[in-house]
C-alpha cells in the first residue's frame, strides 16, 4: 500500500483548497515510483499495516522530516510543539473556511427583507 501525505501540496486561497499542476505532478510522481520518500510517501507492506492494527492513518506511516523517527519515533519538545502548532493553525484555517462557506449557504437561503 502506498501512503502519500500531500497535505502540504494543497494551495489554500480564501475558503477554497486546490492542487496546482506542480502539486499534481509531485503526487503522480510518488504514485508511479511507489517507493518511500521521507516526509512524503511510504510504500508499506500488508505486514507493516497489520503491525499497526490495520490503522490506515497516514501519519502512522509518513512522518514529517525531522520528526524524530530515526530515534525510535520520539521527538524533542521543540519539534513536537512546532508540529502541534502547525496542525492547530491548519485546523483553524479549515474552520474559518467552513464558517465562510456556511455563511454563504445561510445567506442564500434567507429571504430578502
PDB file of N, CA and C in Angstrom:
ATOM      1  N   UNK A   1       0.847  -1.172   0.000  1.00  0.00           N
ATOM      2  CA  UNK A   1       0.000   0.000   0.000  1.00  0.00           C
ATOM      3  C   UNK A   1       0.889   1.230   0.000  1.00  0.00           C
ATOM      4  N   UNK A   2       0.425   2.236  -0.708  1.00  0.00           N
ATOM      5  CA  UNK A   2       1.185   3.476  -0.770  1.00  0.00           C
ATOM      6  C   UNK A   2       0.447   4.566  -0.009  1.00  0.00           C
ATOM      7  N   UNK A   3       1.154   5.169   0.928  1.00  0.00           N
ATOM      8  CA  UNK A   3       0.612   6.293   1.697  1.00  0.00           C
ATOM      9  C   UNK A   3       1.329   7.547   1.234  1.00  0.00           C
ATOM     10  N   UNK A   4       0.566   8.557   0.860  1.00  0.00           N
ATOM     11  CA  UNK A   4       1.135   9.829   0.432  1.00  0.00           C
ATOM     12  C   UNK A   4       0.555  10.925   1.322  1.00  0.00           C
ATOM     13  N   UNK A   5       1.428  11.671   1.975  1.00  0.00           N
ATOM     14  CA  UNK A   5       0.990  12.794   2.799  1.00  0.00           C
ATOM     15  C   UNK A   5       1.146  14.060   1.963  1.00  0.00           C
ATOM     16  N   UNK A   6       0.084  14.425   1.260  1.00  0.00           N
ATOM     17  CA  UNK A   6       0.130  15.574   0.358  1.00  0.00           C
ATOM     18  C   UNK A   6      -0.532  16.805   0.969  1.00  0.00           C
ATOM     19  N   UNK A   7      -0.639  16.822   2.290  1.00  0.00           N
ATOM     20  CA  UNK A   7      -1.306  17.954   2.943  1.00  0.00           C
ATOM     21  C   UNK A   7      -0.621  19.287   2.623  1.00  0.00           C
ATOM     22  N   UNK A   8       0.680  19.252   2.412  1.00  0.00           N
ATOM     23  CA  UNK A   8       1.403  20.488   2.112  1.00  0.00           C
ATOM     24  C   UNK A   8       1.448  20.779   0.609  1.00  0.00           C
ATOM     25  N   UNK A   9       0.810  19.924  -0.165  1.00  0.00           N
ATOM     26  CA  UNK A   9       0.748  20.120  -1.613  1.00  0.00           C
ATOM     27  C   UNK A   9      -0.541  20.815  -2.023  1.00  0.00           C
ATOM     28  N   UNK A  10      -1.320  21.246  -1.068  1.00  0.00           N
ATOM     29  CA  UNK A  10      -2.602  21.882  -1.351  1.00  0.00           C
ATOM     30  C   UNK A  10      -2.457  23.395  -1.219  1.00  0.00           C
ATOM     31  N   UNK A  11      -2.878  24.109  -2.244  1.00  0.00           N
ATOM     32  CA  UNK A  11      -2.876  25.568  -2.181  1.00  0.00           C
ATOM     33  C   UNK A  11      -4.201  26.008  -1.578  1.00  0.00           C
ATOM     34  N   UNK A  12      -4.133  26.902  -0.614  1.00  0.00           N
ATOM     35  CA  UNK A  12      -5.347  27.401   0.028  1.00  0.00           C
ATOM     36  C   UNK A  12      -5.477  28.892  -0.235  1.00  0.00           C
ATOM     37  N   UNK A  13      -6.599  29.251  -0.782  1.00  0.00           N
ATOM     38  CA  UNK A  13      -6.897  30.663  -1.015  1.00  0.00           C
ATOM     39  C   UNK A  13      -8.321  30.914  -0.580  1.00  0.00           C
ATOM     40  N   UNK A  14      -8.449  31.774   0.385  1.00  0.00           N
ATOM     41  CA  UNK A  14      -9.749  32.092   0.971  1.00  0.00           C
ATOM     42  C   UNK A  14     -10.408  30.812   1.464  1.00  0.00           C
ATOM     43  N   UNK A  15     -11.581  30.501   0.995  1.00  0.00           N
ATOM     44  CA  UNK A  15     -12.307  29.338   1.501  1.00  0.00           C
ATOM     45  C   UNK A  15     -12.147  28.120   0.593  1.00  0.00           C
ATOM     46  N   UNK A  16     -11.169  28.157  -0.311  1.00  0.00           N
ATOM     47  CA  UNK A  16     -11.019  27.050  -1.243  1.00  0.00           C
ATOM     48  C   UNK A  16      -9.622  26.471  -1.189  1.00  0.00           C
ATOM     49  N   UNK A  17      -9.556  25.168  -1.400  1.00  0.00           N
ATOM     50  CA  UNK A  17      -8.284  24.461  -1.491  1.00  0.00           C
ATOM     51  C   UNK A  17      -8.228  23.791  -2.856  1.00  0.00           C
ATOM     52  N   UNK A  18      -7.038  23.773  -3.442  1.00  0.00           N
ATOM     53  CA  UNK A  18      -6.913  23.127  -4.747  1.00  0.00           C
ATOM     54  C   UNK A  18      -5.473  22.697  -4.964  1.00  0.00           C
ATOM     55  N   UNK A  19      -5.302  21.810  -5.942  1.00  0.00           N
ATOM     56  CA  UNK A  19      -3.983  21.326  -6.309  1.00  0.00           C
ATOM     57  C   UNK A  19      -3.511  22.065  -7.555  1.00  0.00           C
ATOM     58  N   UNK A  20      -2.357  22.692  -7.444  1.00  0.00           N
ATOM     59  CA  UNK A  20      -1.752  23.333  -8.605  1.00  0.00           C
ATOM     60  C   UNK A  20      -1.083  22.238  -9.439  1.00  0.00           C
ATOM     61  N   UNK A  21      -0.753  22.508 -10.692  1.00  0.00           N
ATOM     62  CA  UNK A  21      -0.117  21.491 -11.536  1.00  0.00           C
ATOM     63  C   UNK A  21       1.148  20.893 -10.918  1.00  0.00           C
ATOM     64  N   UNK A  22       1.949  21.721 -10.251  1.00  0.00           N
ATOM     65  CA  UNK A  22       3.176  21.177  -9.636  1.00  0.00           C
ATOM     66  C   UNK A  22       2.849  20.240  -8.474  1.00  0.00           C
ATOM     67  N   UNK A  23       1.753  20.488  -7.770  1.00  0.00           N
ATOM     68  CA  UNK A  23       1.326  19.590  -6.699  1.00  0.00           C
ATOM     69  C   UNK A  23       0.879  18.257  -7.296  1.00  0.00           C
ATOM     70  N   UNK A  24       0.084  18.348  -8.343  1.00  0.00           N
ATOM     71  CA  UNK A  24      -0.405  17.138  -9.008  1.00  0.00           C
ATOM     72  C   UNK A  24       0.759  16.306  -9.517  1.00  0.00           C
ATOM     73  N   UNK A  25       1.744  16.967 -10.088  1.00  0.00           N
ATOM     74  CA  UNK A  25       2.916  16.268 -10.639  1.00  0.00           C
ATOM     75  C   UNK A  25       3.689  15.536  -9.543  1.00  0.00           C
ATOM     76  N   UNK A  26       3.885  16.183  -8.410  1.00  0.00           N
ATOM     77  CA  UNK A  26       4.623  15.545  -7.315  1.00  0.00           C
ATOM     78  C   UNK A  26       3.875  14.308  -6.800  1.00  0.00           C
ATOM     79  N   UNK A  27       2.561  14.424  -6.645  1.00  0.00           N
ATOM     80  CA  UNK A  27       1.758  13.294  -6.178  1.00  0.00           C
ATOM     81  C   UNK A  27       1.807  12.160  -7.195  1.00  0.00           C
ATOM     82  N   UNK A  28       1.634  12.481  -8.475  1.00  0.00           N
ATOM     83  CA  UNK A  28       1.672  11.466  -9.527  1.00  0.00           C
ATOM     84  C   UNK A  28       3.043  10.789  -9.588  1.00  0.00           C
ATOM     85  N   UNK A  29       4.100  11.566  -9.443  1.00  0.00           N
ATOM     86  CA  UNK A  29       5.461  11.007  -9.468  1.00  0.00           C
ATOM     87  C   UNK A  29       5.650  10.016  -8.309  1.00  0.00           C
ATOM     88  N   UNK A  30       5.167  10.368  -7.128  1.00  0.00           N
ATOM     89  CA  UNK A  30       5.269   9.469  -5.971  1.00  0.00           C
ATOM     90  C   UNK A  30       4.449   8.205  -6.203  1.00  0.00           C
ATOM     91  N   UNK A  31       3.268   8.370  -6.774  1.00  0.00           N
ATOM     92  CA  UNK A  31       2.401   7.225  -7.059  1.00  0.00           C
ATOM     93  C   UNK A  31       3.077   6.267  -8.042  1.00  0.00           C
ATOM     94  N   UNK A  32       3.637   6.820  -9.107  1.00  0.00           N
ATOM     95  CA  UNK A  32       4.290   5.981 -10.120  1.00  0.00           C
ATOM     96  C   UNK A  32       5.548   5.307  -9.576  1.00  0.00           C
ATOM     97  N   UNK A  33       6.294   5.998  -8.736  1.00  0.00           N
ATOM     98  CA  UNK A  33       7.530   5.436  -8.162  1.00  0.00           C
ATOM     99  C   UNK A  33       7.207   4.340  -7.152  1.00  0.00           C
ATOM    100  N   UNK A  34       6.079   4.458  -6.467  1.00  0.00           N
ATOM    101  CA  UNK A  34       5.648   3.509  -5.441  1.00  0.00           C
ATOM    102  C   UNK A  34       6.818   3.144  -4.527  1.00  0.00           C
ATOM    103  N   UNK A  35       7.457   4.178  -3.993  1.00  0.00           N
ATOM    104  CA  UNK A  35       8.631   3.997  -3.137  1.00  0.00           C
ATOM    105  C   UNK A  35       8.585   5.002  -1.996  1.00  0.00           C
ATOM    106  N   UNK A  36       9.388   4.730  -0.982  1.00  0.00           N
ATOM    107  CA  UNK A  36       9.467   5.640   0.151  1.00  0.00           C
ATOM    108  C   UNK A  36      10.105   6.961  -0.262  1.00  0.00           C
ATOM    109  N   UNK A  37       9.533   8.040   0.213  1.00  0.00           N
ATOM    110  CA  UNK A  37      10.095   9.376   0.054  1.00  0.00           C
ATOM    111  C   UNK A  37       9.926  10.048   1.407  1.00  0.00           C
ATOM    112  N   UNK A  38      11.003  10.180   2.182  1.00  0.00           N
ATOM    113  CA  UNK A  38      10.896  10.702   3.543  1.00  0.00           C
ATOM    114  C   UNK A  38      10.061  11.983   3.622  1.00  0.00           C
ATOM    115  N   UNK A  39       9.110  11.956   4.545  1.00  0.00           N
ATOM    116  CA  UNK A  39       8.257  13.105   4.765  1.00  0.00           C
ATOM    117  C   UNK A  39       7.129  13.260   3.769  1.00  0.00           C
ATOM    118  N   UNK A  40       7.036  12.349   2.779  1.00  0.00           N
ATOM    119  CA  UNK A  40       6.010  12.498   1.752  1.00  0.00           C
ATOM    120  C   UNK A  40       5.284  11.197   1.402  1.00  0.00           C
ATOM    121  N   UNK A  41       6.029  10.118   1.219  1.00  0.00           N
ATOM    122  CA  UNK A  41       5.390   8.870   0.797  1.00  0.00           C
ATOM    123  C   UNK A  41       6.033   7.666   1.483  1.00  0.00           C
ATOM    124  N   UNK A  42       5.202   6.637   1.691  1.00  0.00           N
ATOM    125  CA  UNK A  42       5.681   5.394   2.291  1.00  0.00           C
ATOM    126  C   UNK A  42       4.989   4.228   1.599  1.00  0.00           C
ATOM    127  N   UNK A  43       5.772   3.321   1.045  1.00  0.00           N
ATOM    128  CA  UNK A  43       5.240   2.083   0.476  1.00  0.00           C
ATOM    129  C   UNK A  43       5.283   1.054   1.600  1.00  0.00           C
ATOM    130  N   UNK A  44       4.122   0.727   2.136  1.00  0.00           N
ATOM    131  CA  UNK A  44       4.033  -0.184   3.281  1.00  0.00           C
ATOM    132  C   UNK A  44       3.536  -1.553   2.836  1.00  0.00           C
ATOM    133  N   UNK A  45       4.057  -2.565   3.479  1.00  0.00           N
ATOM    134  CA  UNK A  45       3.586  -3.922   3.220  1.00  0.00           C
ATOM    135  C   UNK A  45       2.340  -4.189   4.056  1.00  0.00           C
ATOM    136  N   UNK A  46       1.636  -5.238   3.705  1.00  0.00           N
ATOM    137  CA  UNK A  46       0.458  -5.622   4.491  1.00  0.00           C
ATOM    138  C   UNK A  46       0.892  -5.968   5.913  1.00  0.00           C
ATOM    139  N   UNK A  47       2.051  -6.592   6.043  1.00  0.00           N
ATOM    140  CA  UNK A  47       2.556  -6.935   7.379  1.00  0.00           C
ATOM    141  C   UNK A  47       2.763  -5.680   8.223  1.00  0.00           C
ATOM    142  N   UNK A  48       3.303  -4.618   7.618  1.00  0.00           N
ATOM    143  CA  UNK A  48       3.502  -3.364   8.354  1.00  0.00           C
ATOM    144  C   UNK A  48       2.165  -2.773   8.799  1.00  0.00           C
ATOM    145  N   UNK A  49       1.180  -2.839   7.939  1.00  0.00           N
ATOM    146  CA  UNK A  49      -0.143  -2.309   8.278  1.00  0.00           C
ATOM    147  C   UNK A  49      -0.747  -3.134   9.410  1.00  0.00           C
ATOM    148  N   UNK A  50      -0.608  -4.446   9.334  1.00  0.00           N
ATOM    149  CA  UNK A  50      -1.149  -5.302  10.387  1.00  0.00           C
ATOM    150  C   UNK A  50      -0.438  -5.074  11.718  1.00  0.00           C
ATOM    151  N   UNK A  51       0.859  -4.749  11.680  1.00  0.00           N
ATOM    152  CA  UNK A  51       1.587  -4.432  12.913  1.00  0.00           C
ATOM    153  C   UNK A  51       1.010  -3.183  13.575  1.00  0.00           C
ATOM    154  N   UNK A  52       0.392  -2.329  12.784  1.00  0.00           N
ATOM    155  CA  UNK A  52      -0.226  -1.105  13.312  1.00  0.00           C
ATOM    156  C   UNK A  52      -1.734  -1.307  13.464  1.00  0.00           C
ATOM    157  N   UNK A  53      -2.117  -2.559  13.698  1.00  0.00           N
ATOM    158  CA  UNK A  53      -3.512  -2.945  13.934  1.00  0.00           C
ATOM    159  C   UNK A  53      -4.439  -2.556  12.787  1.00  0.00           C
ATOM    160  N   UNK A  54      -3.922  -2.539  11.570  1.00  0.00           N
ATOM    161  CA  UNK A  54      -4.723  -2.226  10.401  1.00  0.00           C
ATOM    162  C   UNK A  54      -5.080  -0.756  10.274  1.00  0.00           C
ATOM    163  N   UNK A  55      -4.488   0.076  11.101  1.00  0.00           N
ATOM    164  CA  UNK A  55      -4.778   1.507  11.069  1.00  0.00           C
ATOM    165  C   UNK A  55      -4.181   2.108   9.794  1.00  0.00           C
ATOM    166  N   UNK A  56      -5.013   2.772   9.005  1.00  0.00           N
ATOM    167  CA  UNK A  56      -4.569   3.342   7.736  1.00  0.00           C
ATOM    168  C   UNK A  56      -4.341   4.849   7.805  1.00  0.00           C
ATOM    169  N   UNK A  57      -4.170   5.373   8.996  1.00  0.00           N
ATOM    170  CA  UNK A  57      -3.917   6.794   9.183  1.00  0.00           C
ATOM    171  C   UNK A  57      -2.543   7.153   8.611  1.00  0.00           C
ATOM    172  N   UNK A  58      -2.520   8.083   7.691  1.00  0.00           N
ATOM    173  CA  UNK A  58      -1.274   8.447   7.002  1.00  0.00           C
ATOM    174  C   UNK A  58      -0.146   8.812   7.962  1.00  0.00           C
ATOM    175  N   UNK A  59      -0.385   9.588   9.041  1.00  0.00           N
ATOM    176  CA  UNK A  59       0.728   9.941   9.934  1.00  0.00           C
ATOM    177  C   UNK A  59       1.394   8.736  10.610  1.00  0.00           C
ATOM    178  N   UNK A  60       0.744   7.587  10.631  1.00  0.00           N
ATOM    179  CA  UNK A  60       1.392   6.393  11.184  1.00  0.00           C
ATOM    180  C   UNK A  60       2.491   5.873  10.274  1.00  0.00           C
ATOM    181  N   UNK A  61       2.460   6.264   9.019  1.00  0.00           N
ATOM    182  CA  UNK A  61       3.415   5.749   8.041  1.00  0.00           C
ATOM    183  C   UNK A  61       4.339   6.835   7.495  1.00  0.00           C
ATOM    184  N   UNK A  62       3.796   8.006   7.277  1.00  0.00           N
ATOM    185  CA  UNK A  62       4.593   9.106   6.728  1.00  0.00           C
ATOM    186  C   UNK A  62       4.764  10.144   7.825  1.00  0.00           C
ATOM    187  N   UNK A  63       5.981  10.312   8.256  1.00  0.00           N
ATOM    188  CA  UNK A  63       6.271  11.290   9.313  1.00  0.00           C
ATOM    189  C   UNK A  63       6.990  12.477   8.713  1.00  0.00           C
ATOM    190  N   UNK A  64       6.710  13.660   9.245  1.00  0.00           N
ATOM    191  CA  UNK A  64       7.420  14.841   8.743  1.00  0.00           C
ATOM    192  C   UNK A  64       8.927  14.669   8.900  1.00  0.00           C
ATOM    193  N   UNK A  65       9.670  15.169   7.946  1.00  0.00           N
ATOM    194  CA  UNK A  65      11.133  15.112   8.030  1.00  0.00           C
ATOM    195  C   UNK A  65      11.548  15.863   9.273  1.00  0.00           C
ATOM    196  N   UNK A  66      12.420  15.252  10.069  1.00  0.00           N
ATOM    197  CA  UNK A  66      12.861  15.870  11.310  1.00  0.00           C
ATOM    198  C   UNK A  66      11.935  15.595  12.468  1.00  0.00           C
ATOM    199  N   UNK A  67      11.024  14.619  12.314  1.00  0.00           N
ATOM    200  CA  UNK A  67      10.065  14.333  13.381  1.00  0.00           C
ATOM    201  C   UNK A  67      10.635  13.436  14.460  1.00  0.00           C
ATOM    202  N   UNK A  68      11.889  13.042  14.317  1.00  0.00           N
ATOM    203  CA  UNK A  68      12.484  12.184  15.334  1.00  0.00           C
ATOM    204  C   UNK A  68      12.260  10.707  15.050  1.00  0.00           C
ATOM    205  N   UNK A  69      11.814  10.367  13.867  1.00  0.00           N
ATOM    206  CA  UNK A  69      11.536   8.972  13.540  1.00  0.00           C
ATOM    207  C   UNK A  69      12.790   8.110  13.638  1.00  0.00           C
ATOM    208  N   UNK A  70      13.963   8.706  13.441  1.00  0.00           N
ATOM    209  CA  UNK A  70      15.191   7.920  13.493  1.00  0.00           C
ATOM    210  C   UNK A  70      15.576   7.548  14.922  1.00  0.00           C
ATOM    211  N   UNK A  71      15.002   8.200  15.923  1.00  0.00           N
ATOM    212  CA  UNK A  71      15.342   7.856  17.300  1.00  0.00           C
ATOM    213  C   UNK A  71      14.206   7.093  17.980  1.00  0.00           C
ATOM    214  N   UNK A  72      13.561   6.216  17.186  1.00  0.00           N
ATOM    215  CA  UNK A  72      12.523   5.382  17.757  1.00  0.00           C
ATOM    216  C   UNK A  72      11.158   6.033  17.763  1.00  0.00           C
ATOM    217  N   UNK A  73      10.988   7.098  17.031  1.00  0.00           N
ATOM    218  CA  UNK A  73       9.683   7.745  16.948  1.00  0.00           C
ATOM    219  C   UNK A  73       9.520   8.887  17.918  1.00  0.00           C
ATOM    220  N   UNK A  74      10.452   9.040  18.854  1.00  0.00           N
ATOM    221  CA  UNK A  74      10.357  10.152  19.794  1.00  0.00           C
ATOM    222  C   UNK A  74      10.802  11.436  19.133  1.00  0.00           C
ATOM    223  N   UNK A  75      10.481  12.554  19.762  1.00  0.00           N
ATOM    224  CA  UNK A  75      10.910  13.828  19.233  1.00  0.00           C
ATOM    225  C   UNK A  75      11.109  14.798  20.383  1.00  0.00           C
ATOM    226  N   UNK A  76      11.968  15.781  20.147  1.00  0.00           N
ATOM    227  CA  UNK A  76      12.184  16.747  21.210  1.00  0.00           C
ATOM    228  C   UNK A  76      10.967  17.655  21.332  1.00  0.00           C
ATOM    229  N   UNK A  77      10.860  18.319  22.451  1.00  0.00           N
ATOM    230  CA  UNK A  77       9.696  19.147  22.744  1.00  0.00           C
ATOM    231  C   UNK A  77       9.519  20.270  21.720  1.00  0.00           C
ATOM    232  N   UNK A  78      10.614  20.896  21.313  1.00  0.00           N
ATOM    233  CA  UNK A  78      10.530  21.998  20.353  1.00  0.00           C
ATOM    234  C   UNK A  78       9.936  21.520  19.027  1.00  0.00           C
ATOM    235  N   UNK A  79      10.372  20.364  18.544  1.00  0.00           N
ATOM    236  CA  UNK A  79       9.849  19.802  17.300  1.00  0.00           C
ATOM    237  C   UNK A  79       8.386  19.417  17.458  1.00  0.00           C
ATOM    238  N   UNK A  80       8.066  18.767  18.580  1.00  0.00           N
ATOM    239  CA  UNK A  80       6.679  18.355  18.830  1.00  0.00           C
ATOM    240  C   UNK A  80       5.767  19.581  18.875  1.00  0.00           C
ATOM    241  N   UNK A  81       6.216  20.643  19.531  1.00  0.00           N
ATOM    242  CA  UNK A  81       5.397  21.854  19.617  1.00  0.00           C
ATOM    243  C   UNK A  81       5.195  22.469  18.237  1.00  0.00           C
ATOM    244  N   UNK A  82       6.246  22.514  17.427  1.00  0.00           N
ATOM    245  CA  UNK A  82       6.132  23.093  16.082  1.00  0.00           C
ATOM    246  C   UNK A  82       5.121  22.315  15.243  1.00  0.00           C
ATOM    247  N   UNK A  83       5.141  20.997  15.338  1.00  0.00           N
ATOM    248  CA  UNK A  83       4.191  20.163  14.593  1.00  0.00           C
ATOM    249  C   UNK A  83       2.778  20.414  15.105  1.00  0.00           C
ATOM    250  N   UNK A  84       2.618  20.444  16.423  1.00  0.00           N
ATOM    251  CA  UNK A  84       1.303  20.702  17.027  1.00  0.00           C
ATOM    252  C   UNK A  84       0.779  22.074  16.620  1.00  0.00           C
ATOM    253  N   UNK A  85       1.649  23.075  16.688  1.00  0.00           N
ATOM    254  CA  UNK A  85       1.260  24.444  16.347  1.00  0.00           C
ATOM    255  C   UNK A  85       0.828  24.529  14.884  1.00  0.00           C
ATOM    256  N   UNK A  86       1.579  23.903  13.993  1.00  0.00           N
ATOM    257  CA  UNK A  86       1.238  23.932  12.571  1.00  0.00           C
ATOM    258  C   UNK A  86      -0.094  23.231  12.315  1.00  0.00           C
ATOM    259  N   UNK A  87      -0.319  22.095  12.956  1.00  0.00           N
ATOM    260  CA  UNK A  87      -1.575  21.382  12.733  1.00  0.00           C
ATOM    261  C   UNK A  87      -2.744  22.166  13.317  1.00  0.00           C
ATOM    262  N   UNK A  88      -2.537  22.848  14.433  1.00  0.00           N
ATOM    263  CA  UNK A  88      -3.592  23.675  15.011  1.00  0.00           C
ATOM    264  C   UNK A  88      -3.934  24.849  14.118  1.00  0.00           C
ATOM    265  N   UNK A  89      -2.918  25.456  13.544  1.00  0.00           N
ATOM    266  CA  UNK A  89      -3.135  26.590  12.634  1.00  0.00           C
ATOM    267  C   UNK A  89      -3.910  26.124  11.406  1.00  0.00           C
ATOM    268  N   UNK A  90      -3.547  24.955  10.906  1.00  0.00           N
ATOM    269  CA  UNK A  90      -4.247  24.401   9.744  1.00  0.00           C
ATOM    270  C   UNK A  90      -5.713  24.122  10.089  1.00  0.00           C
ATOM    271  N   UNK A  91      -5.950  23.579  11.274  1.00  0.00           N
ATOM    272  CA  UNK A  91      -7.320  23.310  11.706  1.00  0.00           C
ATOM    273  C   UNK A  91      -8.138  24.598  11.716  1.00  0.00           C
ATOM    274  N   UNK A  92      -7.589  25.666  12.284  1.00  0.00           N
ATOM    275  CA  UNK A  92      -8.346  26.912  12.364  1.00  0.00           C
ATOM    276  C   UNK A  92      -8.550  27.542  10.996  1.00  0.00           C
ATOM    277  N   UNK A  93      -7.603  27.359  10.088  1.00  0.00           N
ATOM    278  CA  UNK A  93      -7.799  27.851   8.726  1.00  0.00           C
ATOM    279  C   UNK A  93      -8.954  27.093   8.065  1.00  0.00           C
ATOM    280  N   UNK A  94      -8.993  25.795   8.291  1.00  0.00           N
ATOM    281  CA  UNK A  94     -10.075  24.990   7.736  1.00  0.00           C
ATOM    282  C   UNK A  94     -11.412  25.368   8.376  1.00  0.00           C
ATOM    283  N   UNK A  95     -11.411  25.625   9.675  1.00  0.00           N
ATOM    284  CA  UNK A  95     -12.637  26.037  10.361  1.00  0.00           C
ATOM    285  C   UNK A  95     -13.119  27.381   9.827  1.00  0.00           C
ATOM    286  N   UNK A  96     -12.195  28.328   9.602  1.00  0.00           N
ATOM    287  CA  UNK A  96     -12.568  29.625   9.037  1.00  0.00           C
ATOM    288  C   UNK A  96     -13.198  29.452   7.658  1.00  0.00           C
ATOM    289  N   UNK A  97     -12.606  28.568   6.849  1.00  0.00           N
ATOM    290  CA  UNK A  97     -13.151  28.307   5.512  1.00  0.00           C
ATOM    291  C   UNK A  97     -14.550  27.698   5.613  1.00  0.00           C
ATOM    292  N   UNK A  98     -14.742  26.803   6.558  1.00  0.00           N
ATOM    293  CA  UNK A  98     -16.052  26.179   6.755  1.00  0.00           C
ATOM    294  C   UNK A  98     -17.095  27.214   7.172  1.00  0.00           C
ATOM    295  N   UNK A  99     -16.726  28.087   8.096  1.00  0.00           N
ATOM    296  CA  UNK A  99     -17.655  29.133   8.543  1.00  0.00           C
ATOM    297  C   UNK A  99     -18.023  30.045   7.373  1.00  0.00           C
ATOM    298  N   UNK A 100     -17.039  30.429   6.552  1.00  0.00           N
ATOM    299  CA  UNK A 100     -17.322  31.260   5.381  1.00  0.00           C
ATOM    300  C   UNK A 100     -18.283  30.562   4.434  1.00  0.00           C
ATOM    301  N   UNK A 101     -18.042  29.263   4.204  1.00  0.00           N
ATOM    302  CA  UNK A 101     -18.909  28.500   3.308  1.00  0.00           C
ATOM    303  C   UNK A 101     -20.329  28.433   3.873  1.00  0.00           C
ATOM    304  N   UNK A 102     -20.457  28.151   5.162  1.00  0.00           N
ATOM    305  CA  UNK A 102     -21.771  28.052   5.793  1.00  0.00           C
ATOM    306  C   UNK A 102     -22.479  29.406   5.811  1.00  0.00           C
ATOM    307  N   UNK A 103     -21.735  30.469   6.028  1.00  0.00           N
ATOM    308  CA  UNK A 103     -22.326  31.806   5.971  1.00  0.00           C
ATOM    309  C   UNK A 103     -22.924  32.058   4.593  1.00  0.00           C
ATOM    310  N   UNK A 104     -22.221  31.619   3.549  1.00  0.00           N
ATOM    311  CA  UNK A 104     -22.721  31.783   2.177  1.00  0.00           C
ATOM    312  C   UNK A 104     -23.985  30.976   1.943  1.00  0.00           C
ATOM    313  N   UNK A 105     -24.040  29.759   2.464  1.00  0.00           N
ATOM    314  CA  UNK A 105     -25.213  28.909   2.303  1.00  0.00           C
ATOM    315  C   UNK A 105     -26.403  29.515   3.032  1.00  0.00           C
ATOM    316  N   UNK A 106     -26.182  29.969   4.263  1.00  0.00           N
ATOM    317  CA  UNK A 106     -27.270  30.565   5.057  1.00  0.00           C
ATOM    318  C   UNK A 106     -27.763  31.836   4.371  1.00  0.00           C
ATOM    319  N   UNK A 107     -26.851  32.649   3.858  1.00  0.00           N
ATOM    320  CA  UNK A 107     -27.242  33.895   3.205  1.00  0.00           C
ATOM    321  C   UNK A 107     -28.092  33.618   1.963  1.00  0.00           C
ATOM    322  N   UNK A 108     -27.790  32.536   1.236  1.00  0.00           N
ATOM    323  CA  UNK A 108     -28.568  32.184   0.042  1.00  0.00           C
ATOM    324  C   UNK A 108     -29.972  31.722   0.415  1.00  0.00           C
ATOM    325  N   UNK A 109     -30.110  31.094   1.558  1.00  0.00           N
ATOM    326  CA  UNK A 109     -31.408  30.549   1.980  1.00  0.00           C
ATOM    327  C   UNK A 109     -32.302  31.577   2.653  1.00  0.00           C
ATOM    328  N   UNK A 110     -31.723  32.672   3.112  1.00  0.00           N
ATOM    329  CA  UNK A 110     -32.506  33.698   3.816  1.00  0.00           C
ATOM    330  C   UNK A 110     -33.268  34.543   2.793  1.00  0.00           C
ATOM    331  N   UNK A 111     -34.576  34.699   2.990  1.00  0.00           N
ATOM    332  CA  UNK A 111     -35.339  35.556   2.067  1.00  0.00           C
ATOM    333  C   UNK A 111     -34.960  37.023   2.286  1.00  0.00           C
ATOM    334  N   UNK A 112     -35.029  37.767   1.201  1.00  0.00           N
ATOM    335  CA  UNK A 112     -34.741  39.213   1.313  1.00  0.00           C
ATOM    336  C   UNK A 112     -35.845  39.898   2.101  1.00  0.00           C
ATOM    337  N   UNK A 113     -35.455  40.850   2.949  1.00  0.00           N
ATOM    338  CA  UNK A 113     -36.439  41.567   3.784  1.00  0.00           C
ATOM    339  C   UNK A 113     -36.992  42.745   3.049  1.00  0.00           C
TER     340      UNK A 113
END
